[in-house]
Amino acid sequence: MFLIFLILSAKQLSYGFPMFKKPSSVMQHYSGPWADINKLGVDIYVVAPFTIEIRCLLDFTFSETSLDCF
């Protein structure tokens, strides 16, 4: 089963990945009178997932558990 997986993965890599990515509707309007507000919205949109991951990592690192590591 693992060999079949590796063969199919190699075939997929040799043929290349299909490009299904569409341009984001959030990131396409940088001109006009609202350009600064649109830029700020895009910056918040890009940074927000990273801050959520940082908070999850900090919660995991500093919360007390019954496991005695240190």
PDB file of N, CA and C in Angstrom:
ATOM      1  N   MET A   1       0.815  -1.180   0.000  1.00  0.00           N
ATOM      2  CA  MET A   1       0.000   0.000   0.000  1.00  0.00           C
ATOM      3  C   MET A   1       0.873   1.264   0.000  1.00  0.00           C
ATOM      4  N   PHE A   2       1.937   1.216   0.817  1.00  0.00           N
ATOM      5  CA  PHE A   2       2.837   2.358   0.888  1.00  0.00           C
ATOM      6  C   PHE A   2       3.574   2.562  -0.432  1.00  0.00           C
ATOM      7  N   LEU A   3       3.921   1.481  -1.086  1.00  0.00           N
ATOM      8  CA  LEU A   3       4.606   1.569  -2.377  1.00  0.00           C
ATOM      9  C   LEU A   3       3.696   2.209  -3.430  1.00  0.00           C
ATOM     10  N   ILE A   4       2.434   1.851  -3.421  1.00  0.00           N
ATOM     11  CA  ILE A   4       1.468   2.460  -4.352  1.00  0.00           C
ATOM     12  C   ILE A   4       1.357   3.960  -4.081  1.00  0.00           C
ATOM     13  N   PHE A   5       1.321   4.323  -2.805  1.00  0.00           N
ATOM     14  CA  PHE A   5       1.266   5.741  -2.441  1.00  0.00           C
ATOM     15  C   PHE A   5       2.482   6.489  -2.976  1.00  0.00           C
ATOM     16  N   LEU A   6       3.670   5.908  -2.808  1.00  0.00           N
ATOM     17  CA  LEU A   6       4.884   6.560  -3.281  1.00  0.00           C
ATOM     18  C   LEU A   6       4.910   6.684  -4.805  1.00  0.00           C
ATOM     19  N   ILE A   7       4.448   5.659  -5.498  1.00  0.00           N
ATOM     20  CA  ILE A   7       4.413   5.706  -6.965  1.00  0.00           C
ATOM     21  C   ILE A   7       3.453   6.792  -7.446  1.00  0.00           C
ATOM     22  N   LEU A   8       2.266   6.849  -6.849  1.00  0.00           N
ATOM     23  CA  LEU A   8       1.297   7.872  -7.253  1.00  0.00           C
ATOM     24  C   LEU A   8       1.788   9.280  -6.912  1.00  0.00           C
ATOM     25  N   SER A   9       2.455   9.432  -5.791  1.00  0.00           N
ATOM     26  CA  SER A   9       3.014  10.733  -5.428  1.00  0.00           C
ATOM     27  C   SER A   9       4.095  11.160  -6.410  1.00  0.00           C
ATOM     28  N   ALA A  10       4.927  10.224  -6.815  1.00  0.00           N
ATOM     29  CA  ALA A  10       5.980  10.532  -7.785  1.00  0.00           C
ATOM     30  C   ALA A  10       5.379  10.918  -9.135  1.00  0.00           C
ATOM     31  N   LYS A  11       4.324  10.227  -9.548  1.00  0.00           N
ATOM     32  CA  LYS A  11       3.643  10.584 -10.810  1.00  0.00           C
ATOM     33  C   LYS A  11       3.069  11.992 -10.735  1.00  0.00           C
ATOM     34  N   GLN A  12       2.457  12.310  -9.596  1.00  0.00           N
ATOM     35  CA  GLN A  12       1.863  13.634  -9.436  1.00  0.00           C
ATOM     36  C   GLN A  12       2.940  14.705  -9.486  1.00  0.00           C
ATOM     37  N   LEU A  13       4.071  14.460  -8.862  1.00  0.00           N
ATOM     38  CA  LEU A  13       5.161  15.431  -8.907  1.00  0.00           C
ATOM     39  C   LEU A  13       5.752  15.564 -10.302  1.00  0.00           C
ATOM     40  N   SER A  14       5.837  14.462 -11.034  1.00  0.00           N
ATOM     41  CA  SER A  14       6.424  14.540 -12.378  1.00  0.00           C
ATOM     42  C   SER A  14       5.510  15.275 -13.352  1.00  0.00           C
ATOM     43  N   TYR A  15       4.205  15.156 -13.194  1.00  0.00           N
ATOM     44  CA  TYR A  15       3.277  15.867 -14.076  1.00  0.00           C
ATOM     45  C   TYR A  15       3.024  17.298 -13.618  1.00  0.00           C
ATOM     46  N   GLY A  16       3.346  17.609 -12.387  1.00  0.00           N
ATOM     47  CA  GLY A  16       3.141  18.956 -11.862  1.00  0.00           C
ATOM     48  C   GLY A  16       1.777  19.077 -11.218  1.00  0.00           C
ATOM     49  N   PHE A  17       1.656  20.066 -10.388  1.00  0.00           N
ATOM     50  CA  PHE A  17       0.401  20.307  -9.692  1.00  0.00           C
ATOM     51  C   PHE A  17      -0.478  21.243 -10.508  1.00  0.00           C
ATOM     52  N   PRO A  18      -1.784  21.010 -10.563  1.00  0.00           N
ATOM     53  CA  PRO A  18      -2.665  21.922 -11.287  1.00  0.00           C
ATOM     54  C   PRO A  18      -2.799  23.247 -10.535  1.00  0.00           C
ATOM     55  N   MET A  19      -2.936  24.328 -11.261  1.00  0.00           N
ATOM     56  CA  MET A  19      -3.053  25.640 -10.650  1.00  0.00           C
ATOM     57  C   MET A  19      -4.537  25.986 -10.489  1.00  0.00           C
ATOM     58  N   PHE A  20      -5.076  25.747  -9.314  1.00  0.00           N
ATOM     59  CA  PHE A  20      -6.465  26.055  -9.025  1.00  0.00           C
ATOM     60  C   PHE A  20      -6.612  27.337  -8.223  1.00  0.00           C
ATOM     61  N   LYS A  21      -5.509  27.989  -7.920  1.00  0.00           N
ATOM     62  CA  LYS A  21      -5.548  29.166  -7.070  1.00  0.00           C
ATOM     63  C   LYS A  21      -6.128  30.358  -7.821  1.00  0.00           C
ATOM     64  N   LYS A  22      -7.153  30.943  -7.241  1.00  0.00           N
ATOM     65  CA  LYS A  22      -7.763  32.141  -7.801  1.00  0.00           C
ATOM     66  C   LYS A  22      -7.227  33.354  -7.052  1.00  0.00           C
ATOM     67  N   PRO A  23      -7.222  34.506  -7.684  1.00  0.00           N
ATOM     68  CA  PRO A  23      -6.805  35.694  -6.945  1.00  0.00           C
ATOM     69  C   PRO A  23      -7.813  36.013  -5.845  1.00  0.00           C
ATOM     70  N   SER A  24      -7.322  36.424  -4.715  1.00  0.00           N
ATOM     71  CA  SER A  24      -8.188  36.727  -3.583  1.00  0.00           C
ATOM     72  C   SER A  24      -8.958  38.019  -3.837  1.00  0.00           C
ATOM     73  N   SER A  25     -10.232  38.016  -3.530  1.00  0.00           N
ATOM     74  CA  SER A  25     -11.038  39.223  -3.719  1.00  0.00           C
ATOM     75  C   SER A  25     -10.657  40.291  -2.707  1.00  0.00           C
ATOM     76  N   VAL A  26     -10.038  39.895  -1.603  1.00  0.00           N
ATOM     77  CA  VAL A  26      -9.634  40.859  -0.584  1.00  0.00           C
ATOM     78  C   VAL A  26      -8.415  41.646  -1.048  1.00  0.00           C
ATOM     79  N   MET A  27      -7.522  41.012  -1.790  1.00  0.00           N
ATOM     80  CA  MET A  27      -6.233  41.613  -2.099  1.00  0.00           C
ATOM     81  C   MET A  27      -6.133  42.231  -3.487  1.00  0.00           C
ATOM     82  N   GLN A  28      -7.215  42.482  -4.156  1.00  0.00           N
ATOM     83  CA  GLN A  28      -7.093  42.961  -5.526  1.00  0.00           C
ATOM     84  C   GLN A  28      -7.414  44.441  -5.718  1.00  0.00           C
ATOM     85  N   HIS A  29      -7.903  45.144  -4.705  1.00  0.00           N
ATOM     86  CA  HIS A  29      -8.288  46.547  -4.866  1.00  0.00           C
ATOM     87  C   HIS A  29      -7.324  47.451  -4.098  1.00  0.00           C
ATOM     88  N   TYR A  30      -6.293  47.923  -4.792  1.00  0.00           N
ATOM     89  CA  TYR A  30      -5.327  48.814  -4.162  1.00  0.00           C
ATOM     90  C   TYR A  30      -5.356  50.212  -4.768  1.00  0.00           C
ATOM     91  N   SER A  31      -6.300  50.519  -5.622  1.00  0.00           N
ATOM     92  CA  SER A  31      -6.324  51.828  -6.243  1.00  0.00           C
ATOM     93  C   SER A  31      -7.604  52.562  -5.843  1.00  0.00           C
ATOM     94  N   GLY A  32      -7.581  53.847  -6.044  1.00  0.00           N
ATOM     95  CA  GLY A  32      -8.753  54.640  -5.743  1.00  0.00           C
ATOM     96  C   GLY A  32      -8.667  55.310  -4.379  1.00  0.00           C
ATOM     97  N   PRO A  33      -9.756  55.955  -3.980  1.00  0.00           N
ATOM     98  CA  PRO A  33      -9.735  56.708  -2.724  1.00  0.00           C
ATOM     99  C   PRO A  33      -9.672  55.819  -1.481  1.00  0.00           C
ATOM    100  N   TRP A  34     -10.005  54.560  -1.604  1.00  0.00           N
ATOM    101  CA  TRP A  34     -10.025  53.650  -0.459  1.00  0.00           C
ATOM    102  C   TRP A  34      -8.779  52.779  -0.391  1.00  0.00           C
ATOM    103  N   ALA A  35      -7.722  53.157  -1.082  1.00  0.00           N
ATOM    104  CA  ALA A  35      -6.527  52.313  -1.171  1.00  0.00           C
ATOM    105  C   ALA A  35      -5.886  52.068   0.195  1.00  0.00           C
ATOM    106  N   ASP A  36      -5.813  53.095   1.026  1.00  0.00           N
ATOM    107  CA  ASP A  36      -5.184  52.926   2.340  1.00  0.00           C
ATOM    108  C   ASP A  36      -6.005  52.014   3.234  1.00  0.00           C
ATOM    109  N   ILE A  37      -7.306  52.152   3.185  1.00  0.00           N
ATOM    110  CA  ILE A  37      -8.184  51.301   4.002  1.00  0.00           C
ATOM    111  C   ILE A  37      -8.133  49.864   3.508  1.00  0.00           C
ATOM    112  N   ASN A  38      -8.111  49.671   2.197  1.00  0.00           N
ATOM    113  CA  ASN A  38      -7.990  48.319   1.650  1.00  0.00           C
ATOM    114  C   ASN A  38      -6.660  47.686   2.032  1.00  0.00           C
ATOM    115  N   LYS A  39      -5.591  48.460   1.993  1.00  0.00           N
ATOM    116  CA  LYS A  39      -4.279  47.952   2.381  1.00  0.00           C
ATOM    117  C   LYS A  39      -4.265  47.539   3.850  1.00  0.00           C
ATOM    118  N   LEU A  40      -4.874  48.333   4.708  1.00  0.00           N
ATOM    119  CA  LEU A  40      -4.960  48.006   6.128  1.00  0.00           C
ATOM    120  C   LEU A  40      -5.780  46.735   6.342  1.00  0.00           C
ATOM    121  N   GLY A  41      -6.881  46.598   5.619  1.00  0.00           N
ATOM    122  CA  GLY A  41      -7.701  45.392   5.721  1.00  0.00           C
ATOM    123  C   GLY A  41      -6.947  44.142   5.295  1.00  0.00           C
ATOM    124  N   VAL A  42      -6.168  44.242   4.235  1.00  0.00           N
ATOM    125  CA  VAL A  42      -5.380  43.106   3.772  1.00  0.00           C
ATOM    126  C   VAL A  42      -4.303  42.760   4.796  1.00  0.00           C
ATOM    127  N   ASP A  43      -3.676  43.766   5.374  1.00  0.00           N
ATOM    128  CA  ASP A  43      -2.646  43.512   6.385  1.00  0.00           C
ATOM    129  C   ASP A  43      -3.231  42.791   7.595  1.00  0.00           C
ATOM    130  N   ILE A  44      -4.397  43.207   8.047  1.00  0.00           N
ATOM    131  CA  ILE A  44      -5.055  42.540   9.180  1.00  0.00           C
ATOM    132  C   ILE A  44      -5.447  41.118   8.797  1.00  0.00           C
ATOM    133  N   TYR A  45      -5.939  40.934   7.594  1.00  0.00           N
ATOM    134  CA  TYR A  45      -6.336  39.605   7.121  1.00  0.00           C
ATOM    135  C   TYR A  45      -5.146  38.651   7.067  1.00  0.00           C
ATOM    136  N   VAL A  46      -3.989  39.152   6.671  1.00  0.00           N
ATOM    137  CA  VAL A  46      -2.807  38.309   6.547  1.00  0.00           C
ATOM    138  C   VAL A  46      -2.204  38.001   7.915  1.00  0.00           C
ATOM    139  N   VAL A  47      -2.233  38.937   8.842  1.00  0.00           N
ATOM    140  CA  VAL A  47      -1.594  38.766  10.140  1.00  0.00           C
ATOM    141  C   VAL A  47      -2.476  37.979  11.116  1.00  0.00           C
ATOM    142  N   ALA A  48      -3.782  38.039  10.990  1.00  0.00           N
ATOM    143  CA  ALA A  48      -4.691  37.429  11.974  1.00  0.00           C
ATOM    144  C   ALA A  48      -4.467  35.934  12.171  1.00  0.00           C
ATOM    145  N   PRO A  49      -4.320  35.104  11.142  1.00  0.00           N
ATOM    146  CA  PRO A  49      -4.089  33.684  11.406  1.00  0.00           C
ATOM    147  C   PRO A  49      -2.791  33.431  12.163  1.00  0.00           C
ATOM    148  N   PHE A  50      -1.771  34.222  11.899  1.00  0.00           N
ATOM    149  CA  PHE A  50      -0.502  34.048  12.582  1.00  0.00           C
ATOM    150  C   PHE A  50      -0.633  34.354  14.066  1.00  0.00           C
ATOM    151  N   THR A  51      -1.390  35.383  14.408  1.00  0.00           N
ATOM    152  CA  THR A  51      -1.557  35.714  15.821  1.00  0.00           C
ATOM    153  C   THR A  51      -2.348  34.640  16.550  1.00  0.00           C
ATOM    154  N   ILE A  52      -3.287  34.014  15.885  1.00  0.00           N
ATOM    155  CA  ILE A  52      -4.046  32.930  16.501  1.00  0.00           C
ATOM    156  C   ILE A  52      -3.137  31.742  16.779  1.00  0.00           C
ATOM    157  N   GLU A  53      -2.245  31.434  15.857  1.00  0.00           N
ATOM    158  CA  GLU A  53      -1.303  30.332  16.066  1.00  0.00           C
ATOM    159  C   GLU A  53      -0.323  30.651  17.187  1.00  0.00           C
ATOM    160  N   ILE A  54       0.130  31.897  17.278  1.00  0.00           N
ATOM    161  CA  ILE A  54       1.032  32.294  18.367  1.00  0.00           C
ATOM    162  C   ILE A  54       0.330  32.127  19.715  1.00  0.00           C
ATOM    163  N   ARG A  55      -0.929  32.537  19.807  1.00  0.00           N
ATOM    164  CA  ARG A  55      -1.655  32.414  21.067  1.00  0.00           C
ATOM    165  C   ARG A  55      -1.824  30.942  21.452  1.00  0.00           C
ATOM    166  N   CYS A  56      -2.145  30.109  20.490  1.00  0.00           N
ATOM    167  CA  CYS A  56      -2.288  28.680  20.760  1.00  0.00           C
ATOM    168  C   CYS A  56      -0.972  28.092  21.256  1.00  0.00           C
ATOM    169  N   LEU A  57       0.127  28.478  20.631  1.00  0.00           N
ATOM    170  CA  LEU A  57       1.437  27.988  21.041  1.00  0.00           C
ATOM    171  C   LEU A  57       1.785  28.466  22.448  1.00  0.00           C
ATOM    172  N   LEU A  58       1.494  29.729  22.759  1.00  0.00           N
ATOM    173  CA  LEU A  58       1.767  30.242  24.095  1.00  0.00           C
ATOM    174  C   LEU A  58       0.895  29.575  25.149  1.00  0.00           C
ATOM    175  N   ASP A  59      -0.376  29.347  24.842  1.00  0.00           N
ATOM    176  CA  ASP A  59      -1.255  28.643  25.776  1.00  0.00           C
ATOM    177  C   ASP A  59      -0.746  27.237  26.048  1.00  0.00           C
ATOM    178  N   PHE A  60      -0.303  26.556  25.017  1.00  0.00           N
ATOM    179  CA  PHE A  60       0.205  25.201  25.165  1.00  0.00           C
ATOM    180  C   PHE A  60       1.495  25.185  25.980  1.00  0.00           C
ATOM    181  N   THR A  61       2.334  26.190  25.767  1.00  0.00           N
ATOM    182  CA  THR A  61       3.635  26.220  26.425  1.00  0.00           C
ATOM    183  C   THR A  61       3.527  26.552  27.915  1.00  0.00           C
ATOM    184  N   PHE A  62       2.676  27.508  28.272  1.00  0.00           N
ATOM    185  CA  PHE A  62       2.686  28.014  29.636  1.00  0.00           C
ATOM    186  C   PHE A  62       1.526  27.525  30.505  1.00  0.00           C
ATOM    187  N   SER A  63       0.642  26.701  30.000  1.00  0.00           N
ATOM    188  CA  SER A  63      -0.448  26.213  30.853  1.00  0.00           C
ATOM    189  C   SER A  63       0.048  25.044  31.709  1.00  0.00           C
ATOM    190  N   GLU A  64      -0.511  24.947  32.907  1.00  0.00           N
ATOM    191  CA  GLU A  64      -0.113  23.883  33.821  1.00  0.00           C
ATOM    192  C   GLU A  64      -0.810  22.588  33.431  1.00  0.00           C
ATOM    193  N   THR A  65      -0.061  21.511  33.475  1.00  0.00           N
ATOM    194  CA  THR A  65      -0.614  20.189  33.197  1.00  0.00           C
ATOM    195  C   THR A  65      -0.175  19.228  34.284  1.00  0.00           C
ATOM    196  N   SER A  66      -0.682  18.019  34.224  1.00  0.00           N
ATOM    197  CA  SER A  66      -0.262  17.012  35.195  1.00  0.00           C
ATOM    198  C   SER A  66       1.054  16.356  34.789  1.00  0.00           C
ATOM    199  N   LEU A  67       1.523  16.619  33.588  1.00  0.00           N
ATOM    200  CA  LEU A  67       2.786  16.079  33.121  1.00  0.00           C
ATOM    201  C   LEU A  67       3.928  16.872  33.735  1.00  0.00           C
ATOM    202  N   ASP A  68       4.875  16.187  34.297  1.00  0.00           N
ATOM    203  CA  ASP A  68       5.983  16.850  34.979  1.00  0.00           C
ATOM    204  C   ASP A  68       7.236  16.782  34.096  1.00  0.00           C
ATOM    205  N   CYS A  69       7.423  17.794  33.245  1.00  0.00           N
ATOM    206  CA  CYS A  69       8.576  17.800  32.338  1.00  0.00           C
ATOM    207  C   CYS A  69       9.788  18.477  32.955  1.00  0.00           C
ATOM    208  N   PHE A  70       9.579  19.563  33.689  1.00  0.00           N
ATOM    209  CA  PHE A  70      10.701  20.355  34.201  1.00  0.00           C
ATOM    210  C   PHE A  70      10.764  20.278  35.699  1.00  0.00           C
TER     211      PHE A  70
END
